[in-house]
Protein backbone atom coordinates (compact mmCIF):
# COMPACT_ATOMS: atom_id res chain seq x y z
CA MET A 1 42.61 -56.07 101.55
CA VAL A 2 42.47 -52.16 102.02
CA TYR A 3 45.41 -51.45 100.01
CA ILE A 4 43.05 -52.29 96.65
CA VAL A 5 41.42 -49.70 97.91
CA PHE A 6 44.40 -47.20 97.65
CA VAL A 7 46.46 -48.69 94.26
CA ASN A 8 43.56 -49.65 92.52
CA PRO A 9 42.35 -45.75 91.68
CA GLN A 10 45.83 -45.22 90.86
CA ILE A 11 46.33 -47.96 88.62
CA LEU A 12 43.22 -46.98 86.70
CA GLY A 13 43.98 -43.83 86.61
CA VAL A 14 46.58 -44.11 84.03
CA ALA A 15 44.13 -45.19 81.69
CA GLY A 16 42.13 -42.07 81.78
CA MET A 17 39.59 -43.14 84.78
CA ASP A 18 38.40 -40.57 87.11
CA THR A 19 40.34 -41.91 90.53
CA SER A 20 37.80 -40.75 93.07
CA ALA A 21 34.84 -42.56 90.96
CA VAL A 22 37.52 -46.00 91.23
CA PHE A 23 37.92 -45.30 95.00
CA VAL A 24 34.46 -44.97 95.64
CA THR A 25 33.40 -47.89 93.30
CA THR A 26 36.19 -50.06 94.57
CA CYS A 27 35.03 -49.41 98.19
CA LEU A 28 31.52 -50.58 97.21
CA ILE A 29 32.43 -53.50 95.48
CA ALA A 30 34.20 -55.06 98.21
CA ALA A 31 31.45 -53.98 100.71
CA PHE A 32 28.84 -55.50 98.39
CA GLY A 33 31.04 -58.61 98.47
CA SER A 34 31.66 -58.85 101.81
CA ILE A 35 28.23 -58.66 102.66
CA MET A 36 27.10 -61.46 99.94
CA MET A 37 29.67 -63.77 101.08
CA GLY A 38 28.12 -63.17 104.85
CA LEU A 39 24.78 -63.59 104.37
CA PHE A 40 24.93 -66.38 102.03
CA ALA A 41 27.90 -68.33 102.21
CA ASN A 42 27.40 -67.83 106.27
CA LEU A 43 31.47 -67.13 105.93
CA PRO A 44 33.69 -64.80 107.46
CA VAL A 45 35.72 -63.82 104.24
CA ALA A 46 36.21 -60.24 103.14
CA LEU A 47 36.10 -60.10 99.11
CA ALA A 48 37.39 -56.85 97.17
CA PRO A 49 38.51 -56.84 93.47
CA ALA A 50 41.94 -58.71 92.16
CA MET A 51 45.05 -56.91 91.12
CA GLY A 52 46.51 -58.80 88.17
CA LEU A 53 43.38 -57.97 85.43
CA ASN A 54 43.35 -54.24 86.51
CA ALA A 55 47.07 -53.56 85.04
CA PHE A 56 46.77 -55.46 82.34
CA PHE A 57 43.78 -53.30 81.44
CA ALA A 58 45.18 -50.07 82.39
CA PHE A 59 49.04 -50.71 80.52
CA VAL A 60 47.97 -53.12 77.87
CA VAL A 61 44.40 -52.75 76.63
CA VAL A 62 44.23 -49.04 76.97
CA GLN A 63 47.89 -48.09 76.28
CA ALA A 64 49.92 -50.26 74.57
CA MET A 65 46.57 -51.46 72.06
CA GLY A 66 45.11 -47.59 72.48
CA LEU A 67 41.68 -48.47 72.86
CA PRO A 68 39.55 -46.19 75.45
CA TRP A 69 38.75 -47.20 78.85
CA GLN A 70 35.05 -47.55 77.91
CA VAL A 71 35.41 -49.81 75.30
CA GLY A 72 37.52 -51.84 77.36
CA MET A 73 35.23 -51.94 80.00
CA GLY A 74 32.60 -53.10 77.54
CA ALA A 75 34.28 -56.10 76.91
CA ILE A 76 34.97 -56.81 80.02
CA PHE A 77 31.07 -56.84 80.68
CA TRP A 78 30.29 -59.03 77.62
CA GLY A 79 33.10 -61.23 78.06
CA GLY A 80 32.32 -62.05 81.65
CA GLY A 81 29.62 -59.90 83.38
CA TRP A 82 26.64 -60.87 80.85
CA PRO A 83 26.93 -64.60 80.55
CA ALA A 84 27.37 -64.51 84.93
CA ALA A 85 23.97 -62.96 84.60
CA VAL A 86 22.01 -64.76 82.13
CA ASP A 87 24.12 -68.39 83.11
CA ASP A 88 20.69 -70.27 84.40
CA PHE A 89 17.89 -68.07 82.34
CA PRO A 90 16.47 -70.65 79.74
CA ARG A 91 18.77 -73.67 80.65
CA THR A 92 16.31 -75.87 82.53
CA LEU A 93 13.18 -75.08 80.03
CA LEU A 94 15.19 -75.88 77.25
CA ASP A 95 17.29 -78.71 78.48
CA ASP A 96 13.49 -80.52 79.77
CA ARG A 97 12.57 -79.95 75.73
CA GLN A 98 16.01 -81.11 74.43
CA TYR A 99 15.80 -84.60 76.36
CA PRO A 100 12.34 -85.97 77.30
CA GLY A 101 11.85 -88.86 78.93
């Protein structure tokens, strides 16, 4: 898993991102994910960012399509992070009103 800490900043550096900031962020996300897996799932599994989509992001979205990396990160947030964050927010309340009985 340690290789991602060094490879991820190099790949995302091609997209124009600050490599030292990406390095620190990758370390923090890996630590946070691993700690949460240990505390909540009680499993000794280490988690870190995956390698597949960062290459797609850097080489296709930023370089080939010509979008700024900030726009790409916004699309990633609105496409995945936001729905995951609000997934269970009003669903139980709405389900009770839609299906009486």
